[in-house]
Amino acid sequence: MKADLTLHPTYVIKNYDMETGAFEVWYNDGKLADDNWYGPINLDLDTMRPEDEEPLHFQIANRVIGQVQRSQLAECNMDSTKAVLANMLGQEQEVDVMSCIKHEEEMRKVDSPSVDPICTQTQIMNIYSEDDFDEQFEALSSELAEE
């Protein structure tokens, strides 16, 4: 699943049971269909790591972000996907492992952040003094300005 760096969910913890350690998490994000609180996500302390290993805030936040992403998927238009599924019903499907591996590789490329280099060229400069640096910097700046 592609990471949406613009997600900014908020959550509220409710109904903590001191005996069992169970609690509910209600959440929302401005991108979901309505402004009501979604949930609950039922959690308990038995499934969480101790605070000194990983802050509880981030453990809950990671689960909330995952649930927001699932909620976004549930709310998106699936008409074209339903049409594809309708065409597949009752028909035997065959896919070789290499096709799946290639597909996963392509999806990782789509989902991963860009790693394209920022610099397209380099130039070696010898700098012996501050004046040398200033002169070479001014020369490079004027070359870039001309381009």
N, C-alpha and C. Protein backbone atom coordinates (compact mmCIF):
# COMPACT_ATOMS: atom_id res chain seq x y z
N MET A 1 0.85 -1.17 0.00
CA MET A 1 0.00 0.00 0.00
C MET A 1 0.89 1.23 0.00
N LYS A 2 0.57 2.20 -0.81
CA LYS A 2 1.36 3.41 -0.91
C LYS A 2 1.18 4.27 0.33
N ALA A 3 2.27 4.75 0.85
CA ALA A 3 2.21 5.59 2.05
C ALA A 3 1.77 7.00 1.66
N ASP A 4 0.72 7.47 2.28
CA ASP A 4 0.21 8.81 2.04
C ASP A 4 0.78 9.72 3.11
N LEU A 5 1.79 10.49 2.74
CA LEU A 5 2.47 11.34 3.73
C LEU A 5 1.64 12.53 4.14
N THR A 6 0.49 12.73 3.52
CA THR A 6 -0.37 13.85 3.90
C THR A 6 -1.41 13.45 4.94
N LEU A 7 -1.44 12.16 5.31
CA LEU A 7 -2.39 11.74 6.34
C LEU A 7 -2.05 12.43 7.65
N HIS A 8 -3.07 12.86 8.32
CA HIS A 8 -2.88 13.51 9.61
C HIS A 8 -4.05 13.13 10.53
N PRO A 9 -4.13 11.83 10.83
CA PRO A 9 -5.29 11.40 11.63
C PRO A 9 -5.20 11.84 13.07
N THR A 10 -6.35 11.99 13.67
CA THR A 10 -6.44 12.25 15.10
C THR A 10 -7.18 11.07 15.71
N TYR A 11 -6.90 10.80 16.98
CA TYR A 11 -7.58 9.69 17.62
C TYR A 11 -7.85 10.00 19.08
N VAL A 12 -8.82 9.29 19.63
CA VAL A 12 -9.21 9.42 21.02
C VAL A 12 -9.32 8.01 21.60
N ILE A 13 -8.78 7.83 22.79
CA ILE A 13 -8.86 6.54 23.48
C ILE A 13 -10.03 6.60 24.45
N LYS A 14 -10.88 5.57 24.40
CA LYS A 14 -12.05 5.52 25.27
C LYS A 14 -12.21 4.12 25.85
N ASN A 15 -13.03 4.05 26.91
CA ASN A 15 -13.47 2.79 27.50
C ASN A 15 -12.33 1.86 27.89
N TYR A 16 -11.36 2.37 28.63
CA TYR A 16 -10.25 1.54 29.11
C TYR A 16 -10.72 0.66 30.25
N ASP A 17 -10.49 -0.64 30.14
CA ASP A 17 -10.83 -1.61 31.17
C ASP A 17 -9.54 -1.95 31.92
N MET A 18 -9.43 -1.50 33.18
CA MET A 18 -8.21 -1.69 33.95
C MET A 18 -7.92 -3.17 34.22
N GLU A 19 -8.95 -3.99 34.31
CA GLU A 19 -8.74 -5.40 34.61
C GLU A 19 -8.18 -6.17 33.41
N THR A 20 -8.69 -5.92 32.23
CA THR A 20 -8.26 -6.67 31.05
C THR A 20 -7.20 -5.92 30.22
N GLY A 21 -7.10 -4.62 30.41
CA GLY A 21 -6.18 -3.81 29.61
C GLY A 21 -6.73 -3.45 28.25
N ALA A 22 -8.01 -3.75 28.01
CA ALA A 22 -8.63 -3.46 26.72
C ALA A 22 -9.08 -2.00 26.66
N PHE A 23 -9.03 -1.43 25.47
CA PHE A 23 -9.50 -0.07 25.26
C PHE A 23 -9.91 0.11 23.81
N GLU A 24 -10.66 1.17 23.56
CA GLU A 24 -11.12 1.49 22.21
C GLU A 24 -10.41 2.73 21.70
N VAL A 25 -10.14 2.75 20.42
CA VAL A 25 -9.55 3.91 19.78
C VAL A 25 -10.49 4.37 18.68
N TRP A 26 -10.92 5.61 18.76
CA TRP A 26 -11.78 6.23 17.74
C TRP A 26 -10.91 7.22 16.98
N TYR A 27 -11.10 7.31 15.66
CA TYR A 27 -10.18 8.09 14.83
C TYR A 27 -10.92 8.82 13.73
N ASN A 28 -10.23 9.79 13.14
CA ASN A 28 -10.70 10.45 11.93
C ASN A 28 -9.52 11.13 11.26
N ASP A 29 -9.73 11.42 10.00
CA ASP A 29 -8.77 12.16 9.20
C ASP A 29 -9.59 13.00 8.25
N GLY A 30 -9.15 14.18 7.93
CA GLY A 30 -9.91 15.09 7.09
C GLY A 30 -10.24 14.56 5.72
N LYS A 31 -9.62 13.46 5.30
CA LYS A 31 -9.84 12.93 3.95
C LYS A 31 -10.93 11.87 3.90
N LEU A 32 -11.45 11.45 5.03
CA LEU A 32 -12.49 10.41 5.03
C LEU A 32 -13.84 11.02 4.67
N ALA A 33 -14.80 10.18 4.37
CA ALA A 33 -16.09 10.61 3.82
C ALA A 33 -16.84 11.60 4.70
N ASP A 34 -16.81 11.43 6.00
CA ASP A 34 -17.51 12.38 6.86
C ASP A 34 -16.65 12.74 8.07
N ASP A 35 -17.11 13.69 8.83
CA ASP A 35 -16.33 14.20 9.95
C ASP A 35 -16.62 13.47 11.25
N ASN A 36 -17.48 12.43 11.20
CA ASN A 36 -17.75 11.66 12.41
C ASN A 36 -16.53 10.84 12.79
N TRP A 37 -16.46 10.43 14.04
CA TRP A 37 -15.37 9.58 14.49
C TRP A 37 -15.61 8.17 13.97
N TYR A 38 -14.60 7.55 13.41
CA TYR A 38 -14.65 6.18 12.93
C TYR A 38 -14.13 5.26 14.04
N GLY A 39 -14.60 4.04 14.04
CA GLY A 39 -14.08 3.09 15.02
C GLY A 39 -15.20 2.28 15.60
N PRO A 40 -14.94 1.61 16.65
CA PRO A 40 -13.66 1.64 17.37
C PRO A 40 -12.66 0.62 16.81
N ILE A 41 -11.39 0.91 17.07
CA ILE A 41 -10.34 -0.08 16.92
C ILE A 41 -10.16 -0.66 18.32
N ASN A 42 -10.44 -1.93 18.47
CA ASN A 42 -10.33 -2.56 19.78
C ASN A 42 -8.91 -3.04 20.00
N LEU A 43 -8.25 -2.48 21.00
CA LEU A 43 -6.88 -2.84 21.34
C LEU A 43 -6.81 -3.25 22.79
N ASP A 44 -5.71 -3.88 23.15
CA ASP A 44 -5.47 -4.15 24.56
C ASP A 44 -3.97 -4.10 24.82
N LEU A 45 -3.62 -3.88 26.06
CA LEU A 45 -2.21 -3.71 26.41
C LEU A 45 -1.41 -4.99 26.19
N ASP A 46 -2.07 -6.14 26.18
CA ASP A 46 -1.35 -7.40 25.96
C ASP A 46 -0.76 -7.50 24.56
N THR A 47 -1.30 -6.74 23.62
CA THR A 47 -0.78 -6.77 22.25
C THR A 47 0.17 -5.62 21.97
N MET A 48 0.46 -4.82 22.97
CA MET A 48 1.33 -3.66 22.80
C MET A 48 2.70 -3.93 23.43
N ARG A 49 3.71 -3.25 22.94
CA ARG A 49 5.04 -3.35 23.52
C ARG A 49 5.14 -2.39 24.70
N PRO A 50 6.03 -2.68 25.65
CA PRO A 50 6.19 -1.77 26.79
C PRO A 50 6.63 -0.38 26.34
N GLU A 51 6.24 0.62 27.07
CA GLU A 51 6.54 2.02 26.75
C GLU A 51 8.04 2.26 26.59
N ASP A 52 8.88 1.60 27.40
CA ASP A 52 10.32 1.85 27.31
C ASP A 52 10.95 1.21 26.07
N GLU A 53 10.23 0.31 25.38
CA GLU A 53 10.71 -0.25 24.12
C GLU A 53 10.23 0.56 22.93
N GLU A 54 8.99 1.02 22.98
CA GLU A 54 8.40 1.83 21.91
C GLU A 54 7.27 2.64 22.53
N PRO A 55 7.29 3.95 22.33
CA PRO A 55 6.23 4.78 22.93
C PRO A 55 4.83 4.32 22.49
N LEU A 56 3.94 4.22 23.46
CA LEU A 56 2.57 3.77 23.21
C LEU A 56 1.88 4.66 22.18
N HIS A 57 2.15 5.96 22.26
CA HIS A 57 1.55 6.92 21.32
C HIS A 57 1.81 6.50 19.87
N PHE A 58 3.05 6.10 19.56
CA PHE A 58 3.38 5.72 18.19
C PHE A 58 2.83 4.34 17.83
N GLN A 59 2.75 3.44 18.79
CA GLN A 59 2.15 2.13 18.52
C GLN A 59 0.69 2.30 18.12
N ILE A 60 -0.02 3.12 18.87
CA ILE A 60 -1.44 3.36 18.54
C ILE A 60 -1.55 4.13 17.23
N ALA A 61 -0.69 5.13 17.04
CA ALA A 61 -0.73 5.95 15.82
C ALA A 61 -0.52 5.09 14.58
N ASN A 62 0.40 4.13 14.63
CA ASN A 62 0.63 3.26 13.47
C ASN A 62 -0.61 2.43 13.15
N ARG A 63 -1.30 1.97 14.16
CA ARG A 63 -2.53 1.20 13.92
C ARG A 63 -3.65 2.10 13.40
N VAL A 64 -3.70 3.32 13.89
CA VAL A 64 -4.71 4.27 13.42
C VAL A 64 -4.45 4.61 11.95
N ILE A 65 -3.21 4.86 11.59
CA ILE A 65 -2.87 5.19 10.20
C ILE A 65 -3.26 4.04 9.28
N GLY A 66 -2.95 2.82 9.69
CA GLY A 66 -3.34 1.65 8.89
C GLY A 66 -4.85 1.56 8.72
N GLN A 67 -5.58 1.84 9.79
CA GLN A 67 -7.04 1.78 9.72
C GLN A 67 -7.61 2.91 8.86
N VAL A 68 -7.00 4.09 8.92
CA VAL A 68 -7.43 5.20 8.06
C VAL A 68 -7.24 4.81 6.60
N GLN A 69 -6.10 4.20 6.28
CA GLN A 69 -5.85 3.78 4.91
C GLN A 69 -6.87 2.73 4.46
N ARG A 70 -7.22 1.79 5.34
CA ARG A 70 -8.23 0.80 5.00
C ARG A 70 -9.60 1.47 4.83
N SER A 71 -9.89 2.46 5.66
CA SER A 71 -11.17 3.18 5.52
C SER A 71 -11.22 3.93 4.20
N GLN A 72 -10.10 4.52 3.79
CA GLN A 72 -10.06 5.22 2.51
C GLN A 72 -10.32 4.24 1.37
N LEU A 73 -9.74 3.05 1.45
CA LEU A 73 -9.98 2.04 0.42
C LEU A 73 -11.45 1.63 0.39
N ALA A 74 -12.05 1.48 1.57
CA ALA A 74 -13.46 1.08 1.64
C ALA A 74 -14.37 2.14 1.05
N GLU A 75 -13.94 3.40 1.10
CA GLU A 75 -14.77 4.51 0.62
C GLU A 75 -14.54 4.85 -0.85
N CYS A 76 -13.51 4.28 -1.48
CA CYS A 76 -13.23 4.67 -2.87
C CYS A 76 -14.16 3.95 -3.85
N ASN A 77 -14.26 4.51 -5.04
CA ASN A 77 -15.13 3.97 -6.09
C ASN A 77 -14.54 2.68 -6.64
N MET A 78 -15.27 1.60 -6.55
CA MET A 78 -14.80 0.29 -7.00
C MET A 78 -15.53 -0.21 -8.24
N ASP A 79 -16.20 0.66 -8.96
CA ASP A 79 -16.98 0.24 -10.13
C ASP A 79 -16.13 -0.50 -11.17
N SER A 80 -14.97 0.05 -11.52
CA SER A 80 -14.14 -0.61 -12.53
C SER A 80 -13.59 -1.94 -12.01
N THR A 81 -13.29 -1.99 -10.73
CA THR A 81 -12.79 -3.24 -10.14
C THR A 81 -13.89 -4.29 -10.12
N LYS A 82 -15.12 -3.88 -9.84
CA LYS A 82 -16.25 -4.82 -9.86
C LYS A 82 -16.47 -5.36 -11.27
N ALA A 83 -16.27 -4.53 -12.28
CA ALA A 83 -16.44 -4.98 -13.67
C ALA A 83 -15.40 -6.03 -14.02
N VAL A 84 -14.16 -5.81 -13.59
CA VAL A 84 -13.10 -6.80 -13.84
C VAL A 84 -13.43 -8.09 -13.11
N LEU A 85 -13.87 -7.99 -11.86
CA LEU A 85 -14.23 -9.19 -11.09
C LEU A 85 -15.37 -9.95 -11.76
N ALA A 86 -16.36 -9.23 -12.28
CA ALA A 86 -17.49 -9.87 -12.95
C ALA A 86 -17.01 -10.69 -14.15
N ASN A 87 -16.01 -10.18 -14.87
CA ASN A 87 -15.47 -10.91 -16.02
C ASN A 87 -14.65 -12.13 -15.61
N MET A 88 -14.16 -12.13 -14.37
CA MET A 88 -13.34 -13.25 -13.90
C MET A 88 -14.17 -14.36 -13.27
N LEU A 89 -15.41 -14.05 -12.90
CA LEU A 89 -16.24 -15.04 -12.20
C LEU A 89 -16.40 -16.31 -13.01
N GLY A 90 -16.17 -17.44 -12.35
CA GLY A 90 -16.38 -18.73 -12.95
C GLY A 90 -15.33 -19.15 -13.97
N GLN A 91 -14.31 -18.31 -14.19
CA GLN A 91 -13.28 -18.64 -15.16
C GLN A 91 -11.99 -18.99 -14.43
N GLU A 92 -11.38 -20.06 -14.84
CA GLU A 92 -10.12 -20.49 -14.24
C GLU A 92 -9.03 -19.48 -14.57
N GLN A 93 -8.30 -19.05 -13.57
CA GLN A 93 -7.25 -18.06 -13.74
C GLN A 93 -5.89 -18.73 -13.53
N GLU A 94 -4.92 -18.37 -14.33
CA GLU A 94 -3.57 -18.93 -14.19
C GLU A 94 -2.56 -17.80 -14.27
N VAL A 95 -1.70 -17.73 -13.29
CA VAL A 95 -0.64 -16.73 -13.28
C VAL A 95 0.64 -17.41 -12.82
N ASP A 96 1.71 -17.22 -13.58
CA ASP A 96 2.98 -17.83 -13.17
C ASP A 96 3.66 -16.95 -12.13
N VAL A 97 4.53 -17.57 -11.34
CA VAL A 97 5.18 -16.89 -10.23
C VAL A 97 6.02 -15.70 -10.71
N MET A 98 6.70 -15.84 -11.83
CA MET A 98 7.53 -14.75 -12.34
C MET A 98 6.70 -13.51 -12.67
N SER A 99 5.51 -13.71 -13.18
CA SER A 99 4.63 -12.57 -13.46
C SER A 99 4.27 -11.86 -12.17
N CYS A 100 4.00 -12.61 -11.12
CA CYS A 100 3.67 -12.01 -9.81
C CYS A 100 4.86 -11.25 -9.25
N ILE A 101 6.05 -11.82 -9.39
CA ILE A 101 7.26 -11.16 -8.88
C ILE A 101 7.49 -9.86 -9.64
N LYS A 102 7.34 -9.88 -10.96
CA LYS A 102 7.52 -8.67 -11.77
C LYS A 102 6.47 -7.62 -11.40
N HIS A 103 5.24 -8.07 -11.18
CA HIS A 103 4.18 -7.14 -10.77
C HIS A 103 4.52 -6.49 -9.43
N GLU A 104 4.96 -7.29 -8.47
CA GLU A 104 5.32 -6.75 -7.16
C GLU A 104 6.46 -5.74 -7.28
N GLU A 105 7.42 -6.04 -8.14
CA GLU A 105 8.53 -5.12 -8.36
C GLU A 105 8.03 -3.79 -8.93
N GLU A 106 7.14 -3.85 -9.91
CA GLU A 106 6.58 -2.63 -10.49
C GLU A 106 5.78 -1.84 -9.45
N MET A 107 5.03 -2.53 -8.62
CA MET A 107 4.24 -1.85 -7.59
C MET A 107 5.15 -1.19 -6.56
N ARG A 108 6.27 -1.83 -6.22
CA ARG A 108 7.22 -1.20 -5.29
C ARG A 108 7.80 0.07 -5.89
N LYS A 109 8.06 0.05 -7.19
CA LYS A 109 8.57 1.25 -7.86
C LYS A 109 7.55 2.38 -7.78
N VAL A 110 6.28 2.04 -7.97
CA VAL A 110 5.22 3.04 -7.93
C VAL A 110 5.05 3.58 -6.52
N ASP A 111 5.13 2.69 -5.53
CA ASP A 111 4.88 3.07 -4.14
C ASP A 111 6.07 3.68 -3.43
N SER A 112 7.27 3.48 -3.93
CA SER A 112 8.45 3.95 -3.21
C SER A 112 8.73 5.41 -3.53
N PRO A 113 9.35 6.10 -2.59
CA PRO A 113 9.72 7.48 -2.86
C PRO A 113 10.79 7.54 -3.95
N SER A 114 10.85 8.65 -4.62
CA SER A 114 11.81 8.82 -5.71
C SER A 114 13.23 8.80 -5.16
N VAL A 115 14.09 8.06 -5.84
CA VAL A 115 15.50 8.04 -5.47
C VAL A 115 16.35 8.57 -6.62
N ASP A 116 15.72 9.31 -7.51
CA ASP A 116 16.46 9.91 -8.61
C ASP A 116 17.45 10.92 -8.05
N PRO A 117 18.64 10.97 -8.63
CA PRO A 117 19.64 11.92 -8.10
C PRO A 117 19.20 13.36 -8.31
N ILE A 118 19.53 14.17 -7.35
CA ILE A 118 19.20 15.60 -7.45
C ILE A 118 20.23 16.28 -8.35
N CYS A 119 21.49 15.90 -8.23
CA CYS A 119 22.55 16.49 -9.04
C CYS A 119 22.65 15.73 -10.35
N THR A 120 22.74 16.47 -11.43
CA THR A 120 22.89 15.83 -12.73
C THR A 120 24.31 15.92 -13.25
N GLN A 121 25.12 16.75 -12.63
CA GLN A 121 26.52 16.85 -13.04
C GLN A 121 27.35 17.29 -11.85
N THR A 122 28.63 17.00 -11.91
CA THR A 122 29.54 17.43 -10.85
C THR A 122 30.73 18.11 -11.49
N GLN A 123 31.39 18.93 -10.71
CA GLN A 123 32.59 19.60 -11.19
C GLN A 123 33.59 19.65 -10.05
N ILE A 124 34.82 19.27 -10.33
CA ILE A 124 35.85 19.25 -9.31
C ILE A 124 36.51 20.62 -9.27
N MET A 125 36.65 21.14 -8.07
CA MET A 125 37.27 22.45 -7.89
C MET A 125 38.41 22.30 -6.88
N ASN A 126 39.47 23.03 -7.12
CA ASN A 126 40.56 23.09 -6.15
C ASN A 126 40.43 24.41 -5.42
N ILE A 127 40.24 24.33 -4.13
CA ILE A 127 40.08 25.54 -3.33
C ILE A 127 41.24 25.60 -2.34
N TYR A 128 42.04 26.66 -2.47
CA TYR A 128 43.18 26.82 -1.59
C TYR A 128 42.97 27.91 -0.56
N SER A 129 42.07 28.81 -0.89
CA SER A 129 41.78 29.89 0.05
C SER A 129 40.33 30.32 -0.10
N GLU A 130 39.90 31.17 0.80
CA GLU A 130 38.53 31.66 0.74
C GLU A 130 38.27 32.44 -0.54
N ASP A 131 39.27 33.17 -1.00
CA ASP A 131 39.12 33.93 -2.25
C ASP A 131 38.92 33.01 -3.44
N ASP A 132 39.66 31.87 -3.46
CA ASP A 132 39.48 30.90 -4.55
C ASP A 132 38.04 30.40 -4.59
N PHE A 133 37.51 30.12 -3.42
CA PHE A 133 36.13 29.63 -3.35
C PHE A 133 35.17 30.67 -3.89
N ASP A 134 35.32 31.91 -3.44
CA ASP A 134 34.43 32.98 -3.90
C ASP A 134 34.47 33.14 -5.40
N GLU A 135 35.67 33.13 -5.99
CA GLU A 135 35.80 33.30 -7.44
C GLU A 135 35.14 32.14 -8.19
N GLN A 136 35.41 30.91 -7.73
CA GLN A 136 34.83 29.76 -8.41
C GLN A 136 33.31 29.71 -8.23
N PHE A 137 32.84 30.10 -7.06
CA PHE A 137 31.41 30.13 -6.81
C PHE A 137 30.73 31.14 -7.72
N GLU A 138 31.32 32.30 -7.84
CA GLU A 138 30.75 33.33 -8.72
C GLU A 138 30.75 32.86 -10.18
N ALA A 139 31.82 32.19 -10.60
CA ALA A 139 31.89 31.71 -11.98
C ALA A 139 30.82 30.65 -12.24
N LEU A 140 30.66 29.71 -11.30
CA LEU A 140 29.62 28.68 -11.47
C LEU A 140 28.23 29.29 -11.43
N SER A 141 28.01 30.26 -10.57
CA SER A 141 26.71 30.91 -10.48
C SER A 141 26.36 31.60 -11.78
N SER A 142 27.31 32.27 -12.39
CA SER A 142 27.03 32.95 -13.65
C SER A 142 26.77 31.95 -14.77
N GLU A 143 27.49 30.79 -14.75
CA GLU A 143 27.24 29.75 -15.76
C GLU A 143 25.81 29.22 -15.62
N LEU A 144 25.38 28.96 -14.39
CA LEU A 144 24.03 28.46 -14.16
C LEU A 144 22.98 29.49 -14.55
N ALA A 145 23.27 30.76 -14.29
CA ALA A 145 22.32 31.80 -14.63
C ALA A 145 22.13 31.90 -16.15
N GLU A 146 23.19 31.66 -16.89
CA GLU A 146 23.12 31.72 -18.35
C GLU A 146 22.26 30.58 -18.91
N GLU A 147 22.28 29.41 -18.23
CA GLU A 147 21.50 28.27 -18.71
C GLU A 147 20.06 28.51 -18.43
